[in-house]
C-alpha atoms as a PDB file:
ATOM      1  CA  MET A   1      30.659 -11.520 -95.070  1.00  0.00           C
ATOM      2  CA  ASP A   2      28.342 -10.353 -97.900  1.00  0.00           C
ATOM      3  CA  ARG A   3      27.581  -6.654 -98.275  1.00  0.00           C
ATOM      4  CA  THR A   4      24.057  -6.922 -96.862  1.00  0.00           C
ATOM      5  CA  SER A   5      25.242  -8.594 -93.672  1.00  0.00           C
ATOM      6  CA  HIS A   6      28.121  -6.153 -93.335  1.00  0.00           C
ATOM      7  CA  ALA A   7      25.833  -3.134 -93.792  1.00  0.00           C
ATOM      8  CA  VAL A   8      23.209  -4.391 -91.336  1.00  0.00           C
ATOM      9  CA  LYS A   9      25.806  -5.308 -88.710  1.00  0.00           C
ATOM     10  CA  SER A  10      27.576  -1.948 -89.037  1.00  0.00           C
ATOM     11  CA  GLN A  11      24.353   0.071 -88.886  1.00  0.00           C
ATOM     12  CA  ILE A  12      22.884  -1.575 -85.797  1.00  0.00           C
ATOM     13  CA  ALA A  13      26.256  -1.417 -84.030  1.00  0.00           C
ATOM     14  CA  ALA A  14      26.523   2.326 -84.738  1.00  0.00           C
ATOM     15  CA  MET A  15      22.925   2.954 -83.622  1.00  0.00           C
ATOM     16  CA  GLY A  16      23.880   1.294 -80.345  1.00  0.00           C
ATOM     17  CA  ALA A  17      20.471   0.124 -79.131  1.00  0.00           C
ATOM     18  CA  GLN A  18      20.068  -3.220 -77.389  1.00  0.00           C
ATOM     19  CA  ILE A  19      16.573  -3.917 -78.701  1.00  0.00           C
ATOM     20  CA  PHE A  20      15.212  -2.905 -82.112  1.00  0.00           C
ATOM     21  CA  GLU A  21      11.818  -2.750 -83.753  1.00  0.00           C
ATOM     22  CA  VAL A  22      11.932  -3.904 -87.372  1.00  0.00           C
ATOM     23  CA  GLY A  23       9.066  -3.197 -89.753  1.00  0.00           C
ATOM     24  CA  LEU A  24       8.553  -4.853 -93.134  1.00  0.00           C
ATOM     25  CA  PHE A  25       6.156  -2.730 -95.201  1.00  0.00           C
ATOM     26  CA  LYS A  26       4.391  -3.677 -98.429  1.00  0.00           C
ATOM     27  CA  PRO A  27       1.361  -1.561 -99.404  1.00  0.00           C
ATOM     28  CA  ALA A  28       0.207  -4.038-102.058  1.00  0.00           C
ATOM     29  CA  ALA A  29       0.117  -6.915 -99.561  1.00  0.00           C
ATOM     30  CA  GLN A  30      -3.482  -6.169 -98.589  1.00  0.00           C
ATOM     31  CA  GLU A  31      -4.598  -7.058-102.109  1.00  0.00           C
ATOM     32  CA  GLN A  32      -2.898 -10.427-101.633  1.00  0.00           C
ATOM     33  CA  GLY A  33      -4.567 -11.086 -98.283  1.00  0.00           C
ATOM     34  CA  GLN A  34      -1.353 -10.396 -96.359  1.00  0.00           C
ATOM     35  CA  ALA A  35      -0.416  -7.958 -93.633  1.00  0.00           C
ATOM     36  CA  VAL A  36       0.721  -4.580 -94.949  1.00  0.00           C
ATOM     37  CA  MET A  37       3.218  -4.272 -92.072  1.00  0.00           C
ATOM     38  CA  ILE A  38       5.048  -7.176 -90.450  1.00  0.00           C
ATOM     39  CA  PRO A  39       6.473  -5.963 -87.107  1.00  0.00           C
ATOM     40  CA  ARG A  40       9.261  -7.650 -85.204  1.00  0.00           C
ATOM     41  CA  THR A  41      11.002  -6.799 -81.916  1.00  0.00           C
ATOM     42  CA  TRP A  42      14.511  -8.261 -81.822  1.00  0.00           C
ATOM     43  CA  ASP A  43      17.806  -7.893 -80.035  1.00  0.00           C
ATOM     44  CA  ARG A  44      20.975  -7.336 -82.070  1.00  0.00           C
ATOM     45  CA  ASP A  45      21.827 -11.008 -82.474  1.00  0.00           C
ATOM     46  CA  THR A  46      18.328 -11.855 -83.670  1.00  0.00           C
ATOM     47  CA  VAL A  47      18.484  -9.068 -86.260  1.00  0.00           C
ATOM     48  CA  LEU A  48      21.706 -10.541 -87.610  1.00  0.00           C
ATOM     49  CA  ARG A  49      20.379 -14.099 -87.610  1.00  0.00           C
ATOM     50  CA  SER A  50      17.277 -12.914 -89.458  1.00  0.00           C
ATOM     51  CA  ILE A  51      19.131 -11.327 -92.394  1.00  0.00           C
ATOM     52  CA  PRO A  52      18.345 -14.234 -94.801  1.00  0.00           C
ATOM     53  CA  TRP A  53      14.631 -13.899 -93.998  1.00  0.00           C
ATOM     54  CA  LEU A  54      14.797 -10.107 -94.349  1.00  0.00           C
ATOM     55  CA  ARG A  55      16.422 -10.486 -97.762  1.00  0.00           C
ATOM     56  CA  LEU A  56      13.709 -12.913 -98.823  1.00  0.00           C
ATOM     57  CA  GLN A  57      10.946 -10.540 -97.716  1.00  0.00           C
ATOM     58  CA  ASN A  58      12.712  -7.617 -99.381  1.00  0.00           C
ATOM     59  CA  ALA A  59      12.941  -9.538-102.651  1.00  0.00           C
ATOM     60  CA  ASP A  60       9.190 -10.184-102.337  1.00  0.00           C
ATOM     61  CA  GLY A  61       8.541  -6.440-102.346  1.00  0.00           C
ATOM     62  CA  ARG A  62       8.750  -5.423 -98.696  1.00  0.00           C
ATOM     63  CA  ASN A  63      10.639  -2.320 -97.603  1.00  0.00           C
ATOM     64  CA  VAL A  64      12.601  -2.967 -94.410  1.00  0.00           C
ATOM     65  CA  TYR A  65      12.736  -0.344 -91.650  1.00  0.00           C
ATOM     66  CA  ILE A  66      14.339  -0.184 -88.215  1.00  0.00           C
ATOM     67  CA  ARG A  67      14.249   1.929 -85.044  1.00  0.00           C
ATOM     68  CA  PRO A  68      15.306   1.517 -81.404  1.00  0.00           C
ATOM     69  CA  LYS A  69      12.643   0.146 -79.078  1.00  0.00           C
ATOM     70  CA  GLY A  70      11.471   2.472 -76.318  1.00  0.00           C
ATOM     71  CA  GLU A  71      13.123   5.736 -75.333  1.00  0.00           C
ATOM     72  CA  HIS A  72      16.623   6.137 -76.721  1.00  0.00           C
ATOM     73  CA  ASP A  73      19.467   8.557 -77.476  1.00  0.00           C
ATOM     74  CA  LEU A  74      18.964   8.949 -81.245  1.00  0.00           C
ATOM     75  CA  SER A  75      17.172  11.346 -83.593  1.00  0.00           C
ATOM     76  CA  LEU A  76      16.381  10.474 -87.197  1.00  0.00           C
ATOM     77  CA  VAL A  77      16.511  13.247 -89.787  1.00  0.00           C
ATOM     78  CA  ASP A  78      14.912  12.110 -93.048  1.00  0.00           C
ATOM     79  CA  ASP A  79      14.984  13.330 -96.637  1.00  0.00           C
ATOM     80  CA  LEU A  80      18.340  15.112 -96.561  1.00  0.00           C
ATOM     81  CA  THR A  81      20.574  16.238 -99.413  1.00  0.00           C
ATOM     82  CA  ALA A  82      24.299  15.538 -99.513  1.00  0.00           C
ATOM     83  CA  GLU A  83      24.888  19.248 -98.932  1.00  0.00           C
ATOM     84  CA  ALA A  84      22.739  19.165 -95.790  1.00  0.00           C
ATOM     85  CA  VAL A  85      24.791  16.277 -94.400  1.00  0.00           C
ATOM     86  CA  LYS A  86      27.970  18.283 -95.049  1.00  0.00           C
ATOM     87  CA  ARG A  87      26.455  21.253 -93.242  1.00  0.00           C
ATOM     88  CA  MET A  88      25.617  19.043 -90.277  1.00  0.00           C
ATOM     89  CA  LYS A  89      29.248  18.034 -89.948  1.00  0.00           C
ATOM     90  CA  ALA A  90      30.500  21.603 -90.353  1.00  0.00           C
ATOM     91  CA  THR A  91      28.290  22.911 -87.548  1.00  0.00           C
ATOM     92  CA  GLY A  92      28.891  20.256 -84.899  1.00  0.00           C
ATOM     93  CA  PHE A  93      26.046  17.875 -85.766  1.00  0.00           C
ATOM     94  CA  SER A  94      27.973  14.968 -87.317  1.00  0.00           C
ATOM     95  CA  PRO A  95      25.637  11.959 -87.656  1.00  0.00           C
ATOM     96  CA  ALA A  96      26.352   8.611 -86.039  1.00  0.00           C
ATOM     97  CA  VAL A  97      24.832   6.901 -89.090  1.00  0.00           C
ATOM     98  CA  VAL A  98      24.232   8.130 -92.638  1.00  0.00           C
ATOM     99  CA  VAL A  99      22.147   6.026 -95.021  1.00  0.00           C
ATOM    100  CA  GLU A 100      21.508   6.774 -98.700  1.00  0.00           C
ATOM    101  CA  THR A 101      17.923   5.625 -99.140  1.00  0.00           C
ATOM    102  CA  SER A 102      17.749   6.378-102.872  1.00  0.00           C
ATOM    103  CA  PRO A 103      20.207   8.102-105.228  1.00  0.00           C
ATOM    104  CA  GLY A 104      21.030  11.514-103.718  1.00  0.00           C
ATOM    105  CA  ASN A 105      18.605  11.180-100.799  1.00  0.00           C
ATOM    106  CA  PHE A 106      19.831  10.536 -97.256  1.00  0.00           C
ATOM    107  CA  GLN A 107      18.734   9.719 -93.721  1.00  0.00           C
ATOM    108  CA  ALA A 108      20.915  10.612 -90.745  1.00  0.00           C
ATOM    109  CA  TRP A 109      20.776   9.230 -87.212  1.00  0.00           C
ATOM    110  CA  LEU A 110      22.254  11.666 -84.660  1.00  0.00           C
ATOM    111  CA  LYS A 111      23.340  10.346 -81.289  1.00  0.00           C
ATOM    112  CA  HIS A 112      22.601  12.613 -78.313  1.00  0.00           C
ATOM    113  CA  PRO A 113      24.851  12.640 -75.225  1.00  0.00           C
ATOM    114  CA  ARG A 114      22.124  10.854 -73.271  1.00  0.00           C
ATOM    115  CA  GLN A 115      18.755   9.142 -73.620  1.00  0.00           C
ATOM    116  CA  LEU A 116      15.937  11.662 -74.062  1.00  0.00           C
ATOM    117  CA  PRO A 117      12.360  11.407 -72.811  1.00  0.00           C
ATOM    118  CA  ARG A 118       9.762  11.279 -75.553  1.00  0.00           C
ATOM    119  CA  GLU A 119       8.744  14.947 -75.620  1.00  0.00           C
ATOM    120  CA  LEU A 120      12.329  16.185 -75.719  1.00  0.00           C
ATOM    121  CA  SER A 121      13.248  13.552 -78.294  1.00  0.00           C
ATOM    122  CA  THR A 122      10.449  14.730 -80.583  1.00  0.00           C
ATOM    123  CA  MET A 123      11.412  18.395 -80.062  1.00  0.00           C
ATOM    124  CA  ALA A 124      15.029  17.573 -80.928  1.00  0.00           C
ATOM    125  CA  ALA A 125      14.052  15.670 -84.080  1.00  0.00           C
ATOM    126  CA  ARG A 126      11.793  18.487 -85.286  1.00  0.00           C
ATOM    127  CA  ARG A 127      14.398  21.147 -84.617  1.00  0.00           C
ATOM    128  CA  LEU A 128      17.052  19.179 -86.494  1.00  0.00           C
ATOM    129  CA  ALA A 129      14.684  18.668 -89.435  1.00  0.00           C
ATOM    130  CA  GLU A 130      13.918  22.394 -89.531  1.00  0.00           C
ATOM    131  CA  ASP A 131      17.550  23.455 -89.305  1.00  0.00           C
ATOM    132  CA  PHE A 132      18.861  21.081 -91.949  1.00  0.00           C
ATOM    133  CA  GLY A 133      15.969  20.885 -94.392  1.00  0.00           C
ATOM    134  CA  GLY A 134      14.735  17.419 -93.450  1.00  0.00           C
ATOM    135  CA  ASP A 135      11.200  16.101 -93.506  1.00  0.00           C
ATOM    136  CA  ARG A 136       9.462  17.604 -90.468  1.00  0.00           C
ATOM    137  CA  GLY A 137       6.562  15.196 -90.950  1.00  0.00           C
ATOM    138  CA  ALA A 138       8.956  12.327 -90.252  1.00  0.00           C
ATOM    139  CA  ALA A 139      10.430  14.004 -87.164  1.00  0.00           C
ATOM    140  CA  ASP A 140       9.345  12.409 -83.916  1.00  0.00           C
ATOM    141  CA  TRP A 141      10.841  10.308 -81.155  1.00  0.00           C
ATOM    142  CA  ARG A 142      10.189   6.881 -82.702  1.00  0.00           C
ATOM    143  CA  HIS A 143      10.166   7.233 -86.483  1.00  0.00           C
ATOM    144  CA  PHE A 144      11.366   4.306 -88.582  1.00  0.00           C
ATOM    145  CA  GLY A 145      14.481   4.653 -90.747  1.00  0.00           C
ATOM    146  CA  ARG A 146      15.521   2.327 -93.530  1.00  0.00           C
ATOM    147  CA  LEU A 147      17.748  -0.661 -92.862  1.00  0.00           C
ATOM    148  CA  SER A 148      20.769  -0.537 -95.144  1.00  0.00           C
ATOM    149  CA  GLY A 149      22.049  -3.381 -97.288  1.00  0.00           C
ATOM    150  CA  LEU A 150      18.621  -4.111 -98.772  1.00  0.00           C
ATOM    151  CA  THR A 151      16.712  -2.453-101.609  1.00  0.00           C
ATOM    152  CA  ASN A 152      14.279   0.467-101.701  1.00  0.00           C
ATOM    153  CA  ARG A 153      11.166  -1.116-103.189  1.00  0.00           C
ATOM    154  CA  LYS A 154       9.184   2.031-103.899  1.00  0.00           C
ATOM    155  CA  PRO A 155       7.845   1.668-107.457  1.00  0.00           C
ATOM    156  CA  LYS A 156       9.114   5.116-108.486  1.00  0.00           C
ATOM    157  CA  TYR A 157      12.694   3.931-108.020  1.00  0.00           C
ATOM    158  CA  LEU A 158      12.379   0.918-110.325  1.00  0.00           C
ATOM    159  CA  SER A 159      14.996   1.329-113.055  1.00  0.00           C
ATOM    160  CA  GLU A 160      14.646   0.551-116.734  1.00  0.00           C
ATOM    161  CA  THR A 161      16.626  -2.628-116.088  1.00  0.00           C
ATOM    162  CA  GLY A 162      14.003  -3.797-113.599  1.00  0.00           C
ATOM    163  CA  LEU A 163      16.189  -3.231-110.537  1.00  0.00           C
ATOM    164  CA  PHE A 164      15.599  -1.265-107.361  1.00  0.00           C
ATOM    165  CA  PRO A 165      18.371   0.835-105.762  1.00  0.00           C
ATOM    166  CA  TYR A 166      20.251  -0.477-102.752  1.00  0.00           C
ATOM    167  CA  VAL A 167      19.879   1.341 -99.460  1.00  0.00           C
ATOM    168  CA  ARG A 168      23.552   2.182 -98.937  1.00  0.00           C
ATOM    169  CA  LEU A 169      25.307   2.637 -95.623  1.00  0.00           C
ATOM    170  CA  ILE A 170      27.489   5.715 -96.143  1.00  0.00           C
ATOM    171  CA  GLU A 171      28.850   6.246 -92.610  1.00  0.00           C
ATOM    172  CA  ALA A 172      28.550   4.421 -89.309  1.00  0.00           C
ATOM    173  CA  SER A 173      30.805   6.067 -86.743  1.00  0.00           C
ATOM    174  CA  GLY A 174      28.345   5.558 -83.895  1.00  0.00           C
ATOM    175  CA  ALA A 175      29.759   8.696 -82.246  1.00  0.00           C
ATOM    176  CA  PRO A 176      27.709  11.384 -80.458  1.00  0.00           C
ATOM    177  CA  TYR A 177      27.716  14.705 -82.316  1.00  0.00           C
ATOM    178  CA  PRO A 178      30.042  17.392 -80.884  1.00  0.00           C
ATOM    179  CA  ALA A 179      27.317  19.992 -80.256  1.00  0.00           C
ATOM    180  CA  GLY A 180      25.215  17.510 -78.287  1.00  0.00           C
ATOM    181  CA  GLU A 181      25.481  18.946 -74.782  1.00  0.00           C
ATOM    182  CA  ARG A 182      24.713  22.500 -75.923  1.00  0.00           C
ATOM    183  CA  PHE A 183      21.881  21.413 -78.208  1.00  0.00           C
ATOM    184  CA  VAL A 184      20.164  19.165 -75.667  1.00  0.00           C
ATOM    185  CA  ALA A 185      20.497  21.801 -72.940  1.00  0.00           C
ATOM    186  CA  ALA A 186      18.873  24.381 -75.205  1.00  0.00           C
ATOM    187  CA  ILE A 187      16.075  21.999 -76.169  1.00  0.00           C
ATOM    188  CA  ALA A 188      15.421  21.248 -72.501  1.00  0.00           C
ATOM    189  CA  ALA A 189      15.369  24.988 -71.689  1.00  0.00           C
ATOM    190  CA  ARG A 190      12.941  25.654 -74.536  1.00  0.00           C
ATOM    191  CA  HIS A 191      10.697  22.846 -73.318  1.00  0.00           C
ATOM    192  CA  GLU A 192      10.695  24.247 -69.790  1.00  0.00           C
ATOM    193  CA  MET A 193       9.830  27.717 -71.072  1.00  0.00           C
ATOM    194  CA  ASP A 194       6.987  26.300 -73.166  1.00  0.00           C
ATOM    195  CA  GLN A 195       5.622  24.493 -70.129  1.00  0.00           C
ATOM    196  CA  ASN A 196       5.798  27.675 -68.057  1.00  0.00           C
ATOM    197  CA  GLU A 197       3.978  29.620 -70.767  1.00  0.00           C
ATOM    198  CA  LYS A 198       1.224  27.023 -70.833  1.00  0.00           C
ATOM    199  CA  ARG A 199       0.845  27.129 -67.060  1.00  0.00           C
ATOM    200  CA  HIS A 200       0.612  30.929 -66.947  1.00  0.00           C
ATOM    201  CA  SER A 201      -1.280  31.672 -70.142  1.00  0.00           C
ATOM    202  CA  ARG A 202      -4.904  32.745 -70.022  1.00  0.00           C
ATOM    203  CA  PRO A 203      -7.301  30.267 -71.620  1.00  0.00           C
ATOM    204  CA  THR A 204      -9.113  32.992 -73.580  1.00  0.00           C
ATOM    205  CA  HIS A 205      -9.665  33.144 -77.296  1.00  0.00           C
ATOM    206  CA  SER A 206      -8.012  36.547 -77.644  1.00  0.00           C
ATOM    207  CA  ALA A 207      -4.919  35.473 -75.727  1.00  0.00           C
ATOM    208  CA  THR A 208      -4.620  32.366 -77.857  1.00  0.00           C
ATOM    209  CA  THR A 209      -5.075  34.066 -81.209  1.00  0.00           C
ATOM    210  CA  ASN A 210      -3.261  37.356 -80.622  1.00  0.00           C
ATOM    211  CA  ARG A 211      -0.155  36.275 -78.754  1.00  0.00           C
ATOM    212  CA  THR A 212       2.880  35.852 -81.025  1.00  0.00           C
ATOM    213  CA  ARG A 213       5.779  34.010 -79.455  1.00  0.00           C
ATOM    214  CA  LEU A 214       9.059  35.825 -79.802  1.00  0.00           C
ATOM    215  CA  LYS A 215      12.193  33.793 -80.288  1.00  0.00           C
ATOM    216  CA  SER A 216      14.218  33.279 -77.142  1.00  0.00           C
ATOM    217  CA  VAL A 217      17.985  33.425 -76.778  1.00  0.00           C
ATOM    218  CA  ASP A 218      17.914  29.613 -76.774  1.00  0.00           C
ATOM    219  CA  ASP A 219      16.470  29.628 -80.285  1.00  0.00           C
ATOM    220  CA  PHE A 220      19.586  31.466 -81.452  1.00  0.00           C
ATOM    221  CA  ARG A 221      21.888  29.172 -79.508  1.00  0.00           C
ATOM    222  CA  LEU A 222      20.272  26.192 -81.228  1.00  0.00           C
ATOM    223  CA  ASN A 223      20.696  27.647 -84.705  1.00  0.00           C
ATOM    224  CA  PRO A 224      23.618  25.981 -86.556  1.00  0.00           C
ATOM    225  CA  ARG A 225      24.135  29.043 -88.770  1.00  0.00           C
ATOM    226  CA  TYR A 226      26.221  30.594 -85.973  1.00  0.00           C
ATOM    227  CA  GLY A 227      28.541  27.588 -85.800  1.00  0.00           C
ATOM    228  CA  GLY A 228      28.407  27.406 -82.002  1.00  0.00           C
ATOM    229  CA  ASP A 229      29.887  30.922 -81.651  1.00  0.00           C
ATOM    230  CA  ALA A 230      28.156  32.104 -78.470  1.00  0.00           C
ATOM    231  CA  THR A 231      29.132  35.752 -79.019  1.00  0.00           C
ATOM    232  CA  ARG A 232      27.460  35.791 -82.441  1.00  0.00           C
ATOM    233  CA  GLU A 233      24.409  34.019 -81.006  1.00  0.00           C
ATOM    234  CA  ASP A 234      24.053  36.570 -78.206  1.00  0.00           C
ATOM    235  CA  LEU A 235      24.407  39.538 -80.555  1.00  0.00           C
ATOM    236  CA  ALA A 236      21.910  38.104 -83.036  1.00  0.00           C
ATOM    237  CA  PHE A 237      19.386  37.600 -80.234  1.00  0.00           C
ATOM    238  CA  ALA A 238      19.931  41.116 -78.884  1.00  0.00           C
ATOM    239  CA  VAL A 239      19.398  42.657 -82.345  1.00  0.00           C
ATOM    240  CA  TYR A 240      16.270  40.562 -82.879  1.00  0.00           C
ATOM    241  CA  ALA A 241      14.802  41.391 -79.462  1.00  0.00           C
ATOM    242  CA  LEU A 242      15.527  45.127 -79.658  1.00  0.00           C
ATOM    243  CA  ALA A 243      13.951  45.348 -83.097  1.00  0.00           C
ATOM    244  CA  ARG A 244      10.765  43.907 -81.599  1.00  0.00           C
ATOM    245  CA  GLY A 245      10.567  46.244 -78.645  1.00  0.00           C
ATOM    246  CA  VAL A 246      11.818  43.932 -75.906  1.00  0.00           C
ATOM    247  CA  ASP A 247      12.996  45.849 -72.864  1.00  0.00           C
ATOM    248  CA  ILE A 248      16.779  46.126 -72.446  1.00  0.00           C
ATOM    249  CA  THR A 249      16.642  44.732 -68.921  1.00  0.00           C
ATOM    250  CA  GLN A 250      14.895  41.617 -70.210  1.00  0.00           C
ATOM    251  CA  ILE A 251      17.524  41.195 -72.905  1.00  0.00           C
ATOM    252  CA  ALA A 252      20.305  41.591 -70.343  1.00  0.00           C
ATOM    253  CA  ALA A 253      18.691  39.008 -68.092  1.00  0.00           C
ATOM    254  CA  ALA A 254      18.407  36.539 -70.965  1.00  0.00           C
ATOM    255  CA  LEU A 255      22.046  37.017 -71.971  1.00  0.00           C
ATOM    256  CA  SER A 256      23.184  36.591 -68.366  1.00  0.00           C
ATOM    257  CA  ARG A 257      21.416  33.253 -68.070  1.00  0.00           C
ATOM    258  CA  ARG A 258      24.312  31.599 -69.949  1.00  0.00           C
ATOM    259  CA  ASP A 259      27.450  30.692 -68.013  1.00  0.00           C
ATOM    260  CA  LEU A 260      29.714  33.711 -68.572  1.00  0.00           C
ATOM    261  CA  SER A 261      32.412  32.750 -66.095  1.00  0.00           C
ATOM    262  CA  HIS A 262      34.953  32.485 -68.930  1.00  0.00           C
ATOM    263  CA  LYS A 263      34.554  36.262 -69.375  1.00  0.00           C
ATOM    264  CA  GLY A 264      36.019  36.883 -65.930  1.00  0.00           C
ATOM    265  CA  ASN A 265      34.539  38.224 -62.685  1.00  0.00           C
ATOM    266  CA  ASP A 266      31.009  39.604 -62.288  1.00  0.00           C
ATOM    267  CA  GLN A 267      32.069  43.058 -63.434  1.00  0.00           C
ATOM    268  CA  ARG A 268      33.577  41.746 -66.665  1.00  0.00           C
ATOM    269  CA  GLN A 269      30.511  39.618 -67.295  1.00  0.00           C
ATOM    270  CA  SER A 270      28.280  42.671 -66.881  1.00  0.00           C
ATOM    271  CA  GLN A 271      30.542  44.620 -69.230  1.00  0.00           C
ATOM    272  CA  TYR A 272      30.212  41.890 -71.867  1.00  0.00           C
ATOM    273  CA  VAL A 273      26.415  41.996 -71.659  1.00  0.00           C
ATOM    274  CA  ALA A 274      26.442  45.801 -71.860  1.00  0.00           C
ATOM    275  CA  ARG A 275      28.768  45.769 -74.902  1.00  0.00           C
ATOM    276  CA  THR A 276      26.571  43.246 -76.654  1.00  0.00           C
ATOM    277  CA  ILE A 277      23.432  45.310 -76.091  1.00  0.00           C
ATOM    278  CA  SER A 278      25.224  48.534 -77.074  1.00  0.00           C
ATOM    279  CA  LYS A 279      26.373  46.999 -80.346  1.00  0.00           C
ATOM    280  CA  ALA A 280      22.880  45.665 -80.994  1.00  0.00           C
ATOM    281  CA  ILE A 281      21.408  49.150 -80.413  1.00  0.00           C
ATOM    282  CA  SER A 282      23.867  50.534 -82.963  1.00  0.00           C
ATOM    283  CA  ILE A 283      22.931  47.869 -85.523  1.00  0.00           C
ATOM    284  CA  VAL A 284      19.189  48.369 -85.035  1.00  0.00           C
ATOM    285  CA  GLY A 285      19.650  52.134 -85.311  1.00  0.00           C
ATOM    286  CA  ASP A 286      21.608  51.805 -88.543  1.00  0.00           C
ATOM    287  CA  LYS A 287      18.923  49.574 -90.033  1.00  0.00           C
ATOM    288  CA  SER A 288      16.164  52.025 -89.092  1.00  0.00           C
ATOM    289  CA  ARG A 289      17.911  54.792 -91.049  1.00  0.00           C
ATOM    290  CA  CYS A 290      18.203  52.706 -94.224  1.00  0.00           C
END
């Protein structure tokens, strides 16, 4: 099997969708009286059978893109550095697919533990882009990613030898990322809170312009900088909330929303929340004296 066929087969297998949308894009085609985008909707076998035609179109100047059709369990994070991909893996967000789209530039497909509805899928993609330095403009539930094994035909990548770089398949484990359940749960909680805020907010100009949304405890639990350490996440939230005048009872209620059964009985859980808030008060007090 040639390297193009091997790359395409490995990528679509790791993405795991049954039906794909393939887009062949050539901006200059309009000047030639051709369609700028040629769309196709294919199952896996048809994608593989179409590789010779895809190679022909690619050689004629078309960039080849792919995405799952309909709602799915993937998020694409575009325009990543190699360091960002390493950080993903170190914080529980190992991609199912990593593609090098041009030298030193990467796209990562992350596989969630389940299929997400469109709004949640877009929220997840945007959060991942923000956390790992990806392109937020390319973060939504159905963005195209490049199909590996072909060439990147953007003119800026044309080398002095007249060649375009190959879109290289770096990894294709197809595995869901370890932090998936926690991340998706937090995204869903954030979405529910946003919906509640919309339902209860006043439709006045002053309320719209003056209200500043404070970060919730879920924002801290989504942040990969804490490496999934729930104790660090809770303390960071408590410090943040106290510094912004949030009432202690509200902070305690937010911390208690997480399952604390591993801390012991109700009394031990309450003691954990109290210790966290006490430590946060100490930290905020120390900062105020600096």
